[in-house]
């Protein structure tokens, strides 16, 4: 038996009846099949966390809406109505197989506050220790646009990273990452690094009128999880038994290679924080951060975006526009504007104070994602 931990995220389109189906609502047969598979994996010794979309979609069906609402209050109303419908479907499916489920609703603020994040992680571990299958979703009814994850792919990646999962499965409405997002595209079986070429394969938009994510969101989620040492798979959520098939080495999907030197717990937390600004750095700084494992110095910083205070999380972006790291700034945006591109020996004079920090972001407060 194995005790590996799996985070399985399934999208709205995968557990809803097709849009052309005259009967709206959740696809009960697919939910039953998913429960059958995850129950078997759990009984085989694996620890399973399910991240499920579908609450807003289920609420849309109750209200008779055909298009996903754009107004936040309408999304929250749909989620409030749909979440009990979704959980009841899972409760029936898993309960029939003798598995107890738990509902866990999270907002981004829950994972950005370190004490709340640790409480959430401890709760999940306690549930898993007792054989309970946690079912997670974003707490849409209270989240504002500013603090939302935006999609459950991001939530799943953060949970996988922060709970030290072995594998993350992002189940969607396609077989994996394709060389051409349209018809005739070839499935990429494995991705070792998310490069600009890989990002160019991604088709913008969403696959369903009820969905929030898309392949771009899944690629971003994969990057975060890979940096945390988690193996990621993108596969079809409509294919019954796909997770089991992949675990047995015979399933279809795209595998994303985890980084050998994974981020530690603190850096995983930093990597999941919502950035307040952007620091554009030169190639020398990228090399120092990624290969040299150094702190970010003022001399490597060029343009900055946003307004942030000391201690706020910021994105570090290289010359090609790709995010290479995320970290906690030692300076405010106004101070970085004064010292960018300058030598550390000039900082006291520029800032008019003695012994200022030598680094814009200290290595201990930096999560390298590249």
Protein backbone atom coordinates (compact mmCIF):
# COMPACT_ATOMS: atom_id res chain seq x y z
CA UNK A 1 0.00 0.00 0.00
CA UNK A 2 1.05 3.56 -0.66
CA UNK A 3 0.46 6.65 1.45
CA UNK A 4 1.06 9.19 -1.29
CA UNK A 5 -1.12 12.29 -1.26
CA UNK A 6 -3.14 13.26 -4.33
CA UNK A 7 -4.98 16.51 -5.00
CA UNK A 8 -7.62 16.03 -7.70
CA UNK A 9 -9.28 19.09 -9.19
CA UNK A 10 -12.31 18.64 -11.42
CA UNK A 11 -13.86 21.45 -13.42
CA UNK A 12 -17.44 22.53 -13.83
CA UNK A 13 -17.72 21.25 -17.41
CA UNK A 14 -16.56 17.78 -16.36
CA UNK A 15 -19.34 17.27 -13.80
CA UNK A 16 -22.13 19.11 -15.64
CA UNK A 17 -24.33 17.75 -18.38
CA UNK A 18 -23.37 19.01 -21.85
CA UNK A 19 -24.65 22.46 -22.69
CA UNK A 20 -26.68 20.97 -25.55
CA UNK A 21 -28.43 18.59 -23.12
CA UNK A 22 -32.04 19.70 -22.57
CA UNK A 23 -31.77 18.56 -18.93
CA UNK A 24 -29.68 21.14 -17.04
CA UNK A 25 -27.76 20.31 -13.90
CA UNK A 26 -24.96 18.20 -12.54
CA UNK A 27 -23.95 14.99 -14.29
CA UNK A 28 -24.81 12.54 -11.52
CA UNK A 29 -23.38 9.58 -13.45
CA UNK A 30 -19.97 11.30 -13.74
CA UNK A 31 -20.00 12.21 -10.04
CA UNK A 32 -20.83 8.60 -9.16
CA UNK A 33 -17.97 7.36 -11.35
CA UNK A 34 -15.56 9.86 -9.78
CA UNK A 35 -16.62 8.76 -6.29
CA UNK A 36 -16.10 5.11 -7.26
CA UNK A 37 -12.57 5.81 -8.51
CA UNK A 38 -11.45 8.01 -5.61
CA UNK A 39 -12.90 5.59 -3.08
CA UNK A 40 -10.88 2.75 -4.59
CA UNK A 41 -7.72 4.88 -4.52
CA UNK A 42 -8.37 5.83 -0.90
CA UNK A 43 -8.86 2.20 0.08
CA UNK A 44 -5.58 1.45 -1.64
CA UNK A 45 -3.85 3.70 0.89
CA UNK A 46 -3.74 7.03 -0.93
CA UNK A 47 -4.74 10.25 0.81
CA UNK A 48 -7.16 12.16 -1.43
CA UNK A 49 -8.14 15.84 -1.46
CA UNK A 50 -10.80 16.75 -4.01
CA UNK A 51 -11.06 20.33 -5.28
CA UNK A 52 -14.36 20.67 -7.09
CA UNK A 53 -15.78 23.48 -9.13
CA UNK A 54 -19.45 23.48 -9.98
CA UNK A 55 -21.21 25.48 -7.26
CA UNK A 56 -21.86 28.52 -9.46
CA UNK A 57 -22.85 26.25 -12.35
CA UNK A 58 -25.31 24.37 -10.14
CA UNK A 59 -26.74 27.68 -8.91
CA UNK A 60 -27.12 28.88 -12.50
CA UNK A 61 -29.24 25.81 -13.22
CA UNK A 62 -31.44 26.55 -10.21
CA UNK A 63 -31.95 30.13 -11.41
CA UNK A 64 -32.38 29.06 -15.03
CA UNK A 65 -29.40 31.14 -16.22
CA UNK A 66 -27.68 30.06 -19.45
CA UNK A 67 -24.61 32.34 -19.21
CA UNK A 68 -22.19 32.67 -16.30
CA UNK A 69 -22.99 36.02 -14.61
CA UNK A 70 -20.43 38.80 -14.74
CA UNK A 71 -21.65 40.73 -11.70
CA UNK A 72 -19.97 39.58 -8.47
CA UNK A 73 -23.20 39.64 -6.43
CA UNK A 74 -24.88 37.33 -8.96
CA UNK A 75 -21.94 34.90 -8.84
CA UNK A 76 -22.13 34.89 -5.05
CA UNK A 77 -25.90 34.28 -5.12
CA UNK A 78 -25.44 31.39 -7.56
CA UNK A 79 -22.67 29.92 -5.40
CA UNK A 80 -24.78 30.20 -2.24
CA UNK A 81 -27.62 28.29 -3.90
CA UNK A 82 -25.43 25.84 -5.80
CA UNK A 83 -22.91 24.81 -3.13
CA UNK A 84 -25.43 22.73 -1.10
CA UNK A 85 -26.62 21.10 -4.34
CA UNK A 86 -23.04 20.20 -5.26
CA UNK A 87 -22.16 18.86 -1.81
CA UNK A 88 -25.36 16.84 -1.60
CA UNK A 89 -24.46 15.12 -4.88
CA UNK A 90 -21.01 14.24 -3.53
CA UNK A 91 -22.43 13.17 -0.17
CA UNK A 92 -24.79 10.73 -1.90
CA UNK A 93 -22.09 9.36 -4.18
CA UNK A 94 -19.38 8.86 -1.55
CA UNK A 95 -21.82 7.93 1.22
CA UNK A 96 -23.12 5.02 -0.86
CA UNK A 97 -19.53 3.72 -0.80
CA UNK A 98 -19.02 4.20 2.93
CA UNK A 99 -16.81 7.31 2.65
CA UNK A 100 -17.39 10.37 4.81
CA UNK A 101 -16.85 13.72 3.08
CA UNK A 102 -16.11 17.15 4.51
CA UNK A 103 -16.84 20.53 2.96
CA UNK A 104 -13.95 23.02 3.15
CA UNK A 105 -14.55 26.50 1.72
CA UNK A 106 -11.52 28.77 1.41
CA UNK A 107 -10.84 32.31 0.28
CA UNK A 108 -7.46 33.61 -0.83
CA UNK A 109 -7.17 35.52 2.45
CA UNK A 110 -7.27 32.19 4.30
CA UNK A 111 -4.05 31.11 2.60
CA UNK A 112 -2.32 34.51 2.62
CA UNK A 113 -2.58 34.90 6.39
CA UNK A 114 0.02 32.45 7.69
CA UNK A 115 -1.84 31.58 10.90
CA UNK A 116 -5.10 30.88 9.03
CA UNK A 117 -3.19 28.93 6.38
CA UNK A 118 -1.58 26.72 9.02
CA UNK A 119 -4.98 26.16 10.64
CA UNK A 120 -6.46 25.13 7.29
CA UNK A 121 -3.55 22.78 6.60
CA UNK A 122 -3.85 21.20 10.05
CA UNK A 123 -7.59 20.71 9.54
CA UNK A 124 -7.02 18.94 6.23
CA UNK A 125 -4.39 16.66 7.77
CA UNK A 126 -6.73 15.81 10.66
CA UNK A 127 -9.50 14.91 8.20
CA UNK A 128 -7.16 12.74 6.12
CA UNK A 129 -5.88 10.99 9.24
CA UNK A 130 -9.48 9.99 10.03
CA UNK A 131 -10.22 8.63 6.57
CA UNK A 132 -12.42 11.59 5.61
CA UNK A 133 -12.29 12.85 2.03
CA UNK A 134 -12.14 16.68 2.05
CA UNK A 135 -13.93 18.46 -0.79
CA UNK A 136 -12.62 22.00 -1.32
CA UNK A 137 -14.06 24.93 -3.21
CA UNK A 138 -13.50 28.65 -3.22
CA UNK A 139 -15.75 30.49 -0.78
CA UNK A 140 -17.42 32.48 -3.54
CA UNK A 141 -20.19 33.82 -1.31
CA UNK A 142 -17.81 36.02 0.70
CA UNK A 143 -14.82 36.60 -1.62
CA UNK A 144 -14.49 39.94 -3.38
CA UNK A 145 -12.96 40.32 -6.84
CA UNK A 146 -9.75 41.56 -5.19
CA UNK A 147 -9.21 38.48 -3.02
CA UNK A 148 -10.61 35.69 -5.21
CA UNK A 149 -8.42 32.88 -6.51
CA UNK A 150 -10.22 33.43 -9.81
CA UNK A 151 -10.33 29.73 -10.60
CA UNK A 152 -10.04 26.47 -8.70
CA UNK A 153 -6.89 25.50 -10.64
CA UNK A 154 -5.00 28.08 -8.59
CA UNK A 155 -6.65 26.90 -5.38
CA UNK A 156 -5.76 23.28 -6.18
CA UNK A 157 -2.13 24.18 -6.93
CA UNK A 158 -1.81 26.13 -3.70
CA UNK A 159 -3.32 23.30 -1.67
CA UNK A 160 -1.07 20.75 -3.38
CA UNK A 161 1.98 22.91 -2.68
CA UNK A 162 1.11 23.83 0.87
CA UNK A 163 0.13 20.30 1.94
CA UNK A 164 3.19 18.71 0.29
CA UNK A 165 1.12 16.59 -2.09
CA UNK A 166 2.87 14.11 -4.35
CA UNK A 167 0.68 14.65 -7.40
CA UNK A 168 -1.87 17.19 -8.62
CA UNK A 169 -4.44 16.18 -11.23
CA UNK A 170 -6.19 19.00 -13.12
CA UNK A 171 -9.14 17.32 -14.82
CA UNK A 172 -10.65 19.36 -17.62
CA UNK A 173 -12.60 19.04 -20.88
CA UNK A 174 -9.59 18.07 -23.06
CA UNK A 175 -7.08 15.21 -22.94
CA UNK A 176 -4.19 17.47 -21.94
CA UNK A 177 -1.99 20.19 -23.41
CA UNK A 178 -2.22 20.10 -27.21
CA UNK A 179 0.20 21.38 -29.85
CA UNK A 180 -2.81 23.10 -31.42
CA UNK A 181 -5.71 24.13 -29.17
CA UNK A 182 -8.11 23.62 -32.07
CA UNK A 183 -8.94 20.43 -33.90
CA UNK A 184 -6.06 18.26 -35.05
CA UNK A 185 -3.75 19.19 -32.17
CA UNK A 186 -1.28 16.56 -30.92
CA UNK A 187 -1.18 15.72 -27.22
CA UNK A 188 2.06 16.68 -25.49
CA UNK A 189 2.84 13.74 -23.17
CA UNK A 190 5.36 15.57 -20.98
CA UNK A 191 6.53 19.09 -20.16
CA UNK A 192 9.83 19.51 -18.33
CA UNK A 193 9.76 23.31 -18.07
CA UNK A 194 7.12 25.94 -18.82
CA UNK A 195 8.83 28.02 -21.48
CA UNK A 196 7.44 30.79 -23.73
CA UNK A 197 6.95 28.09 -26.39
CA UNK A 198 4.75 26.12 -24.03
CA UNK A 199 2.80 29.22 -23.05
CA UNK A 200 2.27 30.01 -26.75
CA UNK A 201 0.29 26.78 -27.10
CA UNK A 202 -2.33 27.97 -24.66
CA UNK A 203 -5.66 29.13 -25.99
CA UNK A 204 -7.23 31.99 -24.05
CA UNK A 205 -10.80 31.82 -22.86
CA UNK A 206 -12.79 29.09 -21.16
CA UNK A 207 -14.22 25.86 -22.40
CA UNK A 208 -17.70 26.21 -20.95
CA UNK A 209 -20.24 28.94 -20.38
CA UNK A 210 -20.28 27.88 -16.72
CA UNK A 211 -16.49 27.77 -16.24
CA UNK A 212 -14.06 30.31 -14.80
CA UNK A 213 -10.69 28.87 -15.75
CA UNK A 214 -9.05 27.72 -18.97
CA UNK A 215 -5.77 26.21 -20.11
CA UNK A 216 -3.85 29.39 -19.28
CA UNK A 217 -4.97 29.07 -15.65
CA UNK A 218 -3.90 25.43 -15.60
CA UNK A 219 -0.43 26.25 -16.95
CA UNK A 220 -0.02 28.95 -14.28
CA UNK A 221 -1.17 26.49 -11.62
CA UNK A 222 1.22 23.84 -12.94
CA UNK A 223 4.17 26.26 -12.70
CA UNK A 224 3.45 26.94 -9.03
CA UNK A 225 3.00 23.28 -8.16
CA UNK A 226 6.10 22.18 -10.11
CA UNK A 227 8.24 24.68 -8.22
CA UNK A 228 6.97 23.13 -4.99
CA UNK A 229 8.04 19.63 -6.05
CA UNK A 230 4.56 18.42 -7.06
CA UNK A 231 4.05 16.29 -10.17
CA UNK A 232 1.17 17.76 -12.21
CA UNK A 233 -1.11 16.10 -14.74
CA UNK A 234 -3.66 17.74 -17.03
CA UNK A 235 -6.13 15.16 -18.28
CA UNK A 236 -9.74 14.66 -19.31
CA UNK A 237 -12.31 14.96 -16.55
CA UNK A 238 -14.89 13.20 -18.72
CA UNK A 239 -12.84 10.00 -18.94
CA UNK A 240 -13.88 7.66 -16.12
CA UNK A 241 -10.91 6.15 -14.29
CA UNK A 242 -8.37 8.53 -15.80
CA UNK A 243 -6.51 9.16 -12.51
CA UNK A 244 -6.16 5.42 -11.87
CA UNK A 245 -5.01 4.80 -15.43
CA UNK A 246 -2.31 7.49 -15.13
CA UNK A 247 -1.12 6.12 -11.80
CA UNK A 248 -0.83 2.70 -13.44
CA UNK A 249 1.18 4.14 -16.33
CA UNK A 250 -1.40 3.65 -19.06
CA UNK A 251 -3.51 6.81 -19.03
CA UNK A 252 -3.65 9.76 -21.40
CA UNK A 253 -2.66 13.22 -20.25
CA UNK A 254 0.17 15.74 -20.05
CA UNK A 255 2.68 15.27 -17.26
CA UNK A 256 4.55 18.28 -15.84
CA UNK A 257 7.91 17.40 -14.30
CA UNK A 258 8.32 18.58 -10.68
CA UNK A 259 11.43 20.51 -9.75
CA UNK A 260 13.98 18.35 -7.95
CA UNK A 261 14.89 21.07 -5.46
CA UNK A 262 11.44 21.92 -4.17
CA UNK A 263 10.55 25.10 -2.30
CA UNK A 264 10.49 24.79 1.46
CA UNK A 265 7.29 25.42 3.44
CA UNK A 266 7.88 29.14 3.93
CA UNK A 267 8.70 29.71 0.27
CA UNK A 268 5.63 27.73 -0.79
CA UNK A 269 3.57 30.13 1.29
CA UNK A 270 5.30 33.14 -0.31
CA UNK A 271 4.77 31.70 -3.81
CA UNK A 272 1.02 31.61 -3.19
CA UNK A 273 0.68 35.22 -2.02
CA UNK A 274 -1.15 37.74 -4.19
CA UNK A 275 1.44 40.17 -5.64
CA UNK A 276 1.05 43.88 -4.97
CA UNK A 277 3.58 44.95 -7.58
CA UNK A 278 6.07 43.88 -10.23
CA UNK A 279 9.85 44.27 -10.40
CA UNK A 280 11.35 44.00 -13.89
CA UNK A 281 14.94 42.77 -13.68
CA UNK A 282 17.79 42.27 -16.15
CA UNK A 283 19.22 38.95 -17.29
CA UNK A 284 22.11 39.19 -14.86
CA UNK A 285 19.67 39.38 -11.97
CA UNK A 286 17.72 36.41 -13.36
CA UNK A 287 20.92 34.35 -13.44
CA UNK A 288 21.84 35.43 -9.91
CA UNK A 289 18.41 34.42 -8.58
CA UNK A 290 17.94 31.16 -10.47
CA UNK A 291 21.44 29.75 -10.87
CA UNK A 292 23.33 31.66 -8.19
CA UNK A 293 20.63 31.41 -5.52
CA UNK A 294 21.32 35.02 -4.53
CA UNK A 295 19.20 37.83 -3.16
CA UNK A 296 17.80 40.49 -5.48
CA UNK A 297 20.00 43.61 -5.37
CA UNK A 298 18.98 47.13 -6.48
CA UNK A 299 21.46 47.08 -9.37
CA UNK A 300 19.45 44.40 -11.18
CA UNK A 301 16.10 46.18 -10.97
CA UNK A 302 14.81 48.25 -13.88
CA UNK A 303 11.17 49.21 -14.26
CA UNK A 304 8.65 48.72 -11.45
CA UNK A 305 4.87 48.46 -11.49
CA UNK A 306 2.29 48.96 -8.77
CA UNK A 307 2.39 50.42 -5.28
CA UNK A 308 3.60 48.30 -2.41
CA UNK A 309 4.91 48.66 1.13
CA UNK A 310 7.86 46.93 2.82
CA UNK A 311 6.93 43.29 3.42
CA UNK A 312 4.41 43.13 0.57
CA UNK A 313 4.67 40.30 -1.99
CA UNK A 314 5.87 41.27 -5.47
CA UNK A 315 6.49 39.45 -8.74
CA UNK A 316 10.00 39.40 -10.20
CA UNK A 317 9.87 39.36 -14.01
CA UNK A 318 12.75 38.80 -16.42
CA UNK A 319 13.47 40.57 -19.75
CA UNK A 320 11.21 38.10 -21.62
CA UNK A 321 8.22 39.01 -19.45
CA UNK A 322 8.12 35.69 -17.59
CA UNK A 323 7.79 35.58 -13.80
CA UNK A 324 10.96 34.05 -12.40
CA UNK A 325 10.31 34.57 -8.69
CA UNK A 326 7.97 35.98 -6.09
CA UNK A 327 9.14 37.54 -2.85
CA UNK A 328 8.60 39.93 0.03
CA UNK A 329 9.97 43.39 -0.73
CA UNK A 330 12.33 44.98 1.79
CA UNK A 331 11.41 48.44 0.48
CA UNK A 332 8.33 50.35 -0.60
CA UNK A 333 7.70 50.97 -4.28
CA UNK A 334 8.68 54.62 -3.81
CA UNK A 335 12.00 53.60 -2.28
CA UNK A 336 12.71 51.04 -5.01
CA UNK A 337 12.07 53.77 -7.56
CA UNK A 338 14.90 55.78 -5.95
CA UNK A 339 17.44 52.95 -5.73
CA UNK A 340 16.74 50.82 -8.82
CA UNK A 341 19.84 50.21 -10.92
CA UNK A 342 22.15 51.60 -8.24
CA UNK A 343 24.98 50.05 -6.25
CA UNK A 344 24.49 48.99 -2.64
CA UNK A 345 27.20 51.44 -1.56
CA UNK A 346 24.92 54.30 -2.68
CA UNK A 347 21.81 53.29 -0.72
CA UNK A 348 22.42 55.27 2.49
CA UNK A 349 22.90 58.50 0.58
CA UNK A 350 19.96 57.89 -1.75
CA UNK A 351 17.55 57.01 1.07
CA UNK A 352 18.97 59.47 3.64
CA UNK A 353 19.20 56.87 6.40
CA UNK A 354 21.97 54.71 7.86
CA UNK A 355 22.34 50.98 7.23
CA UNK A 356 19.39 50.33 4.92
CA UNK A 357 18.85 46.73 3.74
CA UNK A 358 21.31 45.76 1.00
CA UNK A 359 18.73 43.64 -0.83
CA UNK A 360 15.46 44.61 -2.49
CA UNK A 361 14.36 41.04 -1.70
CA UNK A 362 16.44 38.88 0.64
CA UNK A 363 17.03 35.30 -0.44
CA UNK A 364 15.15 33.98 2.61
CA UNK A 365 12.05 35.87 1.46
CA UNK A 366 12.27 34.77 -2.19
CA UNK A 367 10.49 31.87 -3.93
CA UNK A 368 12.14 31.13 -7.28
CA UNK A 369 9.59 29.76 -9.74
CA UNK A 370 11.70 29.44 -12.88
